[in-house]
Amino acid sequence: MSGRTYVRKTLSQIKDEGLGRAEKPDWITVSAFVWSVNIDNFCYTACPLIVGDRQCKKKVTLNGDGMWHCDRCGEDIPECDYRYLLQLQIRDHTGMTWVTAFHEAGEVIMGVSAKALYMLKHEEQDDVEVRMVKNFVRFNQFLFRLKVKEEIYGDEGQVRPNVVNAERLNFADECKYLLGLIGRLSRDEPQTNSATILHGGNNNEMNSASGGNTTPI
């Protein structure tokens, strides 16, 4: 994976600076906490087969005989994979937005695998445990690496941030960053929209869950 530059922003800057409206997406980092998570449809059933050197990950459907069918691979399989396609609302001191988190980021945010949460919700139907998982996630703070890009719905363009990567906030590092920012402001040094962060991003997941619904801002 090639490195990509993520520019530190606040959530309000997504709208104020018109991020995602250009031909190419904007790649940003925001420090924010989870306000709410939609777990009505939080994952999709995915093909576990390996194509080349990668997992297929395409959505599979259940046959009447109990087998799962993958249109891409053209095969029926006895078991599917469960991968996050998570809608969550995040907030910082400037505003809020809904974002979509894919599998790896979803596992970091939720602290439990998509399969385990699916079994709790749909097989065991343990509403109390599901509620505990959801409540545990609230107010946790992360550094979110976001891909911000305008998508067309009908004739209307809407900006849809996708979570490329999520890391639990390291408060010591965040304090150092904020102190450095305060120091530059106090010295009246030119600002460059905060720090830039190099991070390798993977967009394959964003194209795998065909038919998955996301919530634009």
C-alpha atoms as a PDB file:
ATOM      1  CA  MET A   1       0.000   0.000   0.000  1.00  0.00           C
ATOM      2  CA  SER A   2       1.288   3.419  -0.899  1.00  0.00           C
ATOM      3  CA  GLY A   3       1.432   6.177   1.671  1.00  0.00           C
ATOM      4  CA  ARG A   4      -1.147   8.943   1.536  1.00  0.00           C
ATOM      5  CA  THR A   5      -1.139  12.351   3.212  1.00  0.00           C
ATOM      6  CA  TYR A   6      -4.001  12.967   5.636  1.00  0.00           C
ATOM      7  CA  VAL A   7      -4.498  16.605   6.669  1.00  0.00           C
ATOM      8  CA  ARG A   8      -5.705  17.317  10.200  1.00  0.00           C
ATOM      9  CA  LYS A   9      -9.131  18.994  10.190  1.00  0.00           C
ATOM     10  CA  THR A  10     -12.154  19.554  12.385  1.00  0.00           C
ATOM     11  CA  LEU A  11     -15.594  18.258  11.456  1.00  0.00           C
ATOM     12  CA  SER A  12     -16.951  21.729  10.754  1.00  0.00           C
ATOM     13  CA  GLN A  13     -14.216  22.258   8.165  1.00  0.00           C
ATOM     14  CA  ILE A  14     -15.692  19.497   5.989  1.00  0.00           C
ATOM     15  CA  LYS A  15     -18.625  21.775   5.177  1.00  0.00           C
ATOM     16  CA  ASP A  16     -16.953  25.163   5.667  1.00  0.00           C
ATOM     17  CA  GLU A  17     -14.110  24.374   3.251  1.00  0.00           C
ATOM     18  CA  GLY A  18     -16.233  22.412   0.788  1.00  0.00           C
ATOM     19  CA  LEU A  19     -14.190  19.252   1.253  1.00  0.00           C
ATOM     20  CA  GLY A  20     -15.052  16.377  -1.056  1.00  0.00           C
ATOM     21  CA  ARG A  21     -16.530  18.637  -3.725  1.00  0.00           C
ATOM     22  CA  ALA A  22     -13.530  18.535  -6.058  1.00  0.00           C
ATOM     23  CA  GLU A  23     -12.876  15.882  -8.704  1.00  0.00           C
ATOM     24  CA  LYS A  24     -10.604  13.949  -6.336  1.00  0.00           C
ATOM     25  CA  PRO A  25     -11.481  13.044  -2.740  1.00  0.00           C
ATOM     26  CA  ASP A  26     -10.019  14.798   0.273  1.00  0.00           C
ATOM     27  CA  TRP A  27      -8.145  12.679   2.802  1.00  0.00           C
ATOM     28  CA  ILE A  28      -8.325  14.069   6.322  1.00  0.00           C
ATOM     29  CA  THR A  29      -7.760  13.126   9.955  1.00  0.00           C
ATOM     30  CA  VAL A  30     -10.191  14.201  12.661  1.00  0.00           C
ATOM     31  CA  SER A  31     -10.106  13.709  16.410  1.00  0.00           C
ATOM     32  CA  ALA A  32     -13.660  12.888  17.462  1.00  0.00           C
ATOM     33  CA  PHE A  33     -15.769  10.737  19.736  1.00  0.00           C
ATOM     34  CA  VAL A  34     -18.546   8.319  18.876  1.00  0.00           C
ATOM     35  CA  TRP A  35     -21.968   9.756  19.615  1.00  0.00           C
ATOM     36  CA  SER A  36     -24.210   7.006  18.255  1.00  0.00           C
ATOM     37  CA  VAL A  37     -24.027   3.791  16.259  1.00  0.00           C
ATOM     38  CA  ASN A  38     -26.695   2.348  13.973  1.00  0.00           C
ATOM     39  CA  ILE A  39     -26.748  -1.404  14.543  1.00  0.00           C
ATOM     40  CA  ASP A  40     -29.984  -2.127  12.694  1.00  0.00           C
ATOM     41  CA  ASN A  41     -27.898  -3.055   9.636  1.00  0.00           C
ATOM     42  CA  PHE A  42     -24.286  -3.038  10.747  1.00  0.00           C
ATOM     43  CA  CYS A  43     -22.727  -5.754   8.581  1.00  0.00           C
ATOM     44  CA  TYR A  44     -23.113  -7.763   5.406  1.00  0.00           C
ATOM     45  CA  THR A  45     -22.602 -11.409   4.523  1.00  0.00           C
ATOM     46  CA  ALA A  46     -19.396 -11.729   2.507  1.00  0.00           C
ATOM     47  CA  CYS A  47     -17.685 -14.353   0.413  1.00  0.00           C
ATOM     48  CA  PRO A  48     -14.704 -15.882   2.271  1.00  0.00           C
ATOM     49  CA  LEU A  49     -13.075 -17.416  -0.830  1.00  0.00           C
ATOM     50  CA  ILE A  50      -9.612 -16.307  -1.910  1.00  0.00           C
ATOM     51  CA  VAL A  51      -9.337 -14.778  -5.383  1.00  0.00           C
ATOM     52  CA  GLY A  52      -5.702 -14.433  -6.393  1.00  0.00           C
ATOM     53  CA  ASP A  53      -4.056 -13.308  -3.172  1.00  0.00           C
ATOM     54  CA  ARG A  54      -7.073 -11.583  -1.615  1.00  0.00           C
ATOM     55  CA  GLN A  55     -10.371 -12.506  -0.031  1.00  0.00           C
ATOM     56  CA  CYS A  56     -13.296 -12.004  -2.415  1.00  0.00           C
ATOM     57  CA  LYS A  57     -15.425 -10.056   0.137  1.00  0.00           C
ATOM     58  CA  LYS A  58     -18.356  -9.661  -2.256  1.00  0.00           C
ATOM     59  CA  LYS A  59     -21.857  -9.922  -0.830  1.00  0.00           C
ATOM     60  CA  VAL A  60     -23.303 -13.445  -0.809  1.00  0.00           C
ATOM     61  CA  THR A  61     -26.938 -14.544  -0.663  1.00  0.00           C
ATOM     62  CA  LEU A  62     -28.480 -17.513   1.115  1.00  0.00           C
ATOM     63  CA  ASN A  63     -29.866 -20.276  -1.091  1.00  0.00           C
ATOM     64  CA  GLY A  64     -32.882 -22.331  -0.181  1.00  0.00           C
ATOM     65  CA  ASP A  65     -30.616 -25.314   0.530  1.00  0.00           C
ATOM     66  CA  GLY A  66     -28.690 -23.497   3.275  1.00  0.00           C
ATOM     67  CA  MET A  67     -25.679 -22.726   1.085  1.00  0.00           C
ATOM     68  CA  TRP A  68     -24.360 -19.224   0.399  1.00  0.00           C
ATOM     69  CA  HIS A  69     -23.929 -18.146  -3.229  1.00  0.00           C
ATOM     70  CA  CYS A  70     -21.334 -15.698  -4.546  1.00  0.00           C
ATOM     71  CA  ASP A  71     -22.110 -14.234  -7.963  1.00  0.00           C
ATOM     72  CA  ARG A  72     -18.520 -13.111  -8.460  1.00  0.00           C
ATOM     73  CA  CYS A  73     -16.977 -16.519  -7.770  1.00  0.00           C
ATOM     74  CA  GLY A  74     -19.939 -18.450  -9.166  1.00  0.00           C
ATOM     75  CA  GLU A  75     -19.780 -20.889  -6.262  1.00  0.00           C
ATOM     76  CA  ASP A  76     -21.960 -22.096  -3.408  1.00  0.00           C
ATOM     77  CA  ILE A  77     -20.269 -22.205  -0.011  1.00  0.00           C
ATOM     78  CA  PRO A  78     -21.413 -23.635   3.335  1.00  0.00           C
ATOM     79  CA  GLU A  79     -20.380 -20.659   5.479  1.00  0.00           C
ATOM     80  CA  CYS A  80     -20.103 -16.949   4.879  1.00  0.00           C
ATOM     81  CA  ASP A  81     -18.019 -14.208   6.467  1.00  0.00           C
ATOM     82  CA  TYR A  82     -19.533 -11.261   8.315  1.00  0.00           C
ATOM     83  CA  ARG A  83     -18.003  -7.867   7.589  1.00  0.00           C
ATOM     84  CA  TYR A  84     -18.814  -4.514   9.105  1.00  0.00           C
ATOM     85  CA  LEU A  85     -20.599  -1.833   7.091  1.00  0.00           C
ATOM     86  CA  LEU A  86     -21.160   0.452  10.037  1.00  0.00           C
ATOM     87  CA  GLN A  87     -22.997   3.761  10.192  1.00  0.00           C
ATOM     88  CA  LEU A  88     -21.995   5.972  13.106  1.00  0.00           C
ATOM     89  CA  GLN A  89     -22.306   9.572  14.159  1.00  0.00           C
ATOM     90  CA  ILE A  90     -19.097  11.216  15.330  1.00  0.00           C
ATOM     91  CA  ARG A  91     -18.635  14.566  17.063  1.00  0.00           C
ATOM     92  CA  ASP A  92     -15.900  16.990  17.988  1.00  0.00           C
ATOM     93  CA  HIS A  93     -15.986  20.470  19.539  1.00  0.00           C
ATOM     94  CA  THR A  94     -17.047  22.015  16.213  1.00  0.00           C
ATOM     95  CA  GLY A  95     -19.852  19.781  14.976  1.00  0.00           C
ATOM     96  CA  MET A  96     -20.981  16.307  13.977  1.00  0.00           C
ATOM     97  CA  THR A  97     -21.378  14.084  10.924  1.00  0.00           C
ATOM     98  CA  TRP A  98     -22.419  10.564   9.985  1.00  0.00           C
ATOM     99  CA  VAL A  99     -19.653   8.368   8.590  1.00  0.00           C
ATOM    100  CA  THR A 100     -19.399   4.842   7.210  1.00  0.00           C
ATOM    101  CA  ALA A 101     -16.830   2.476   8.721  1.00  0.00           C
ATOM    102  CA  PHE A 102     -15.807  -0.684   6.902  1.00  0.00           C
ATOM    103  CA  HIS A 103     -14.656  -3.943   8.380  1.00  0.00           C
ATOM    104  CA  GLU A 104     -11.228  -3.342   9.927  1.00  0.00           C
ATOM    105  CA  ALA A 105     -12.177   0.100  11.239  1.00  0.00           C
ATOM    106  CA  GLY A 106     -15.492  -1.284  12.466  1.00  0.00           C
ATOM    107  CA  GLU A 107     -13.736  -3.923  14.563  1.00  0.00           C
ATOM    108  CA  VAL A 108     -11.524  -1.277  16.181  1.00  0.00           C
ATOM    109  CA  ILE A 109     -14.492   0.964  16.939  1.00  0.00           C
ATOM    110  CA  MET A 110     -16.878  -1.731  18.190  1.00  0.00           C
ATOM    111  CA  GLY A 111     -14.295  -3.857  20.016  1.00  0.00           C
ATOM    112  CA  VAL A 112     -16.024  -7.047  18.869  1.00  0.00           C
ATOM    113  CA  SER A 113     -16.138  -8.932  15.569  1.00  0.00           C
ATOM    114  CA  ALA A 114     -19.047  -8.413  13.193  1.00  0.00           C
ATOM    115  CA  LYS A 115     -19.836 -12.133  13.383  1.00  0.00           C
ATOM    116  CA  ALA A 116     -19.970 -12.108  17.191  1.00  0.00           C
ATOM    117  CA  LEU A 117     -22.289  -9.092  17.211  1.00  0.00           C
ATOM    118  CA  TYR A 118     -24.446 -10.639  14.471  1.00  0.00           C
ATOM    119  CA  MET A 119     -24.829 -13.841  16.500  1.00  0.00           C
ATOM    120  CA  LEU A 120     -25.735 -11.864  19.623  1.00  0.00           C
ATOM    121  CA  LYS A 121     -28.353  -9.860  17.781  1.00  0.00           C
ATOM    122  CA  HIS A 122     -29.881 -12.383  15.375  1.00  0.00           C
ATOM    123  CA  GLU A 123     -29.132 -15.872  16.705  1.00  0.00           C
ATOM    124  CA  GLU A 124     -29.069 -15.470  20.495  1.00  0.00           C
ATOM    125  CA  GLN A 125     -31.334 -12.389  20.336  1.00  0.00           C
ATOM    126  CA  ASP A 126     -29.652 -11.066  23.457  1.00  0.00           C
ATOM    127  CA  ASP A 127     -30.911  -7.475  23.382  1.00  0.00           C
ATOM    128  CA  VAL A 128     -29.340  -6.661  26.747  1.00  0.00           C
ATOM    129  CA  GLU A 129     -25.837  -7.678  25.616  1.00  0.00           C
ATOM    130  CA  VAL A 130     -26.242  -5.912  22.279  1.00  0.00           C
ATOM    131  CA  ARG A 131     -27.271  -2.740  24.095  1.00  0.00           C
ATOM    132  CA  MET A 132     -24.220  -3.053  26.345  1.00  0.00           C
ATOM    133  CA  VAL A 133     -21.908  -3.314  23.333  1.00  0.00           C
ATOM    134  CA  LYS A 134     -23.531  -0.275  21.760  1.00  0.00           C
ATOM    135  CA  ASN A 135     -23.397   1.788  24.946  1.00  0.00           C
ATOM    136  CA  PHE A 136     -19.762   0.836  25.562  1.00  0.00           C
ATOM    137  CA  VAL A 137     -18.788   2.380  22.234  1.00  0.00           C
ATOM    138  CA  ARG A 138     -20.388   5.752  22.968  1.00  0.00           C
ATOM    139  CA  PHE A 139     -18.043   8.603  23.913  1.00  0.00           C
ATOM    140  CA  ASN A 140     -14.917   6.627  22.996  1.00  0.00           C
ATOM    141  CA  GLN A 141     -12.472   8.938  21.260  1.00  0.00           C
ATOM    142  CA  PHE A 142     -10.575   8.058  18.094  1.00  0.00           C
ATOM    143  CA  LEU A 143      -8.377   9.514  15.417  1.00  0.00           C
ATOM    144  CA  PHE A 144     -10.445   8.899  12.298  1.00  0.00           C
ATOM    145  CA  ARG A 145      -8.778   8.893   8.881  1.00  0.00           C
ATOM    146  CA  LEU A 146     -11.532   9.844   6.461  1.00  0.00           C
ATOM    147  CA  LYS A 147     -11.997   9.769   2.722  1.00  0.00           C
ATOM    148  CA  VAL A 148     -14.330  12.658   1.939  1.00  0.00           C
ATOM    149  CA  LYS A 149     -15.984  12.565  -1.476  1.00  0.00           C
ATOM    150  CA  GLU A 150     -19.181  13.868  -2.996  1.00  0.00           C
ATOM    151  CA  GLU A 151     -21.549  11.184  -4.264  1.00  0.00           C
ATOM    152  CA  ILE A 152     -24.511  11.728  -6.569  1.00  0.00           C
ATOM    153  CA  TYR A 153     -27.956  10.604  -5.343  1.00  0.00           C
ATOM    154  CA  GLY A 154     -30.483  11.235  -8.095  1.00  0.00           C
ATOM    155  CA  ASP A 155     -29.611  14.739  -9.231  1.00  0.00           C
ATOM    156  CA  GLU A 156     -28.232  15.873  -5.881  1.00  0.00           C
ATOM    157  CA  GLY A 157     -24.628  15.753  -4.762  1.00  0.00           C
ATOM    158  CA  GLN A 158     -23.975  14.835  -1.127  1.00  0.00           C
ATOM    159  CA  VAL A 159     -20.696  14.477   0.727  1.00  0.00           C
ATOM    160  CA  ARG A 160     -20.152  11.023   2.215  1.00  0.00           C
ATOM    161  CA  PRO A 161     -17.179  10.541   4.577  1.00  0.00           C
ATOM    162  CA  ASN A 162     -15.831   6.984   4.778  1.00  0.00           C
ATOM    163  CA  VAL A 163     -13.590   5.804   7.610  1.00  0.00           C
ATOM    164  CA  VAL A 164     -10.365   4.445   6.140  1.00  0.00           C
ATOM    165  CA  ASN A 165      -8.765   3.842   9.515  1.00  0.00           C
ATOM    166  CA  ALA A 166      -9.597   4.390  13.189  1.00  0.00           C
ATOM    167  CA  GLU A 167      -7.189   4.475  16.119  1.00  0.00           C
ATOM    168  CA  ARG A 168      -8.057   4.946  19.761  1.00  0.00           C
ATOM    169  CA  LEU A 169      -6.950   8.397  20.797  1.00  0.00           C
ATOM    170  CA  ASN A 170      -3.568   8.531  22.525  1.00  0.00           C
ATOM    171  CA  PHE A 171      -4.146  11.405  24.933  1.00  0.00           C
ATOM    172  CA  ALA A 172      -0.443  12.030  25.531  1.00  0.00           C
ATOM    173  CA  ASP A 173       0.216  12.389  21.799  1.00  0.00           C
ATOM    174  CA  GLU A 174      -2.910  14.519  21.369  1.00  0.00           C
ATOM    175  CA  CYS A 175      -1.801  16.861  24.151  1.00  0.00           C
ATOM    176  CA  LYS A 176       1.600  17.272  22.492  1.00  0.00           C
ATOM    177  CA  TYR A 177      -0.102  18.053  19.186  1.00  0.00           C
ATOM    178  CA  LEU A 178      -2.429  20.634  20.789  1.00  0.00           C
ATOM    179  CA  LEU A 179       0.415  22.270  22.739  1.00  0.00           C
ATOM    180  CA  GLY A 180       2.399  22.553  19.534  1.00  0.00           C
ATOM    181  CA  LEU A 181      -0.590  24.110  17.779  1.00  0.00           C
ATOM    182  CA  ILE A 182      -1.100  26.581  20.639  1.00  0.00           C
ATOM    183  CA  GLY A 183       2.589  27.469  20.491  1.00  0.00           C
ATOM    184  CA  ARG A 184       2.400  28.235  16.769  1.00  0.00           C
ATOM    185  CA  LEU A 185      -0.712  30.359  17.301  1.00  0.00           C
ATOM    186  CA  SER A 186       0.890  32.291  20.161  1.00  0.00           C
ATOM    187  CA  ARG A 187       3.920  33.025  17.967  1.00  0.00           C
ATOM    188  CA  ASP A 188       1.541  34.090  15.185  1.00  0.00           C
ATOM    189  CA  GLU A 189       3.153  31.634  12.781  1.00  0.00           C
ATOM    190  CA  PRO A 190       1.384  30.870   9.497  1.00  0.00           C
ATOM    191  CA  GLN A 191      -0.953  27.908   9.866  1.00  0.00           C
ATOM    192  CA  THR A 192      -1.196  25.070   7.369  1.00  0.00           C
ATOM    193  CA  ASN A 193      -4.512  23.563   8.474  1.00  0.00           C
ATOM    194  CA  SER A 194      -2.787  21.667  11.265  1.00  0.00           C
ATOM    195  CA  ALA A 195      -0.487  18.674  10.899  1.00  0.00           C
ATOM    196  CA  THR A 196      -0.353  16.221   8.060  1.00  0.00           C
ATOM    197  CA  ILE A 197      -0.255  12.515   8.813  1.00  0.00           C
ATOM    198  CA  LEU A 198       1.087   9.824   6.539  1.00  0.00           C
ATOM    199  CA  HIS A 199      -0.893   6.625   6.559  1.00  0.00           C
ATOM    200  CA  GLY A 200      -1.465   3.790   4.114  1.00  0.00           C
ATOM    201  CA  GLY A 201      -5.109   3.467   3.139  1.00  0.00           C
ATOM    202  CA  ASN A 202      -7.044   0.561   1.611  1.00  0.00           C
ATOM    203  CA  ASN A 203     -10.144   1.307  -0.458  1.00  0.00           C
ATOM    204  CA  ASN A 204     -10.962  -2.253  -1.575  1.00  0.00           C
ATOM    205  CA  GLU A 205     -13.562  -2.700   1.146  1.00  0.00           C
ATOM    206  CA  MET A 206     -15.486   0.329  -0.062  1.00  0.00           C
ATOM    207  CA  ASN A 207     -16.397  -1.465  -3.292  1.00  0.00           C
ATOM    208  CA  SER A 208     -17.147  -4.914  -1.845  1.00  0.00           C
ATOM    209  CA  ALA A 209     -20.498  -4.512  -0.127  1.00  0.00           C
ATOM    210  CA  SER A 210     -22.667  -4.081  -3.201  1.00  0.00           C
ATOM    211  CA  GLY A 211     -26.097  -2.912  -2.224  1.00  0.00           C
ATOM    212  CA  GLY A 212     -24.932  -1.593   1.171  1.00  0.00           C
ATOM    213  CA  ASN A 213     -26.644   1.613   2.299  1.00  0.00           C
ATOM    214  CA  THR A 214     -24.644   4.519   3.627  1.00  0.00           C
ATOM    215  CA  THR A 215     -25.776   7.747   5.204  1.00  0.00           C
ATOM    216  CA  PRO A 216     -24.394  10.917   3.604  1.00  0.00           C
ATOM    217  CA  ILE A 217     -24.191  14.246   5.380  1.00  0.00           C
END
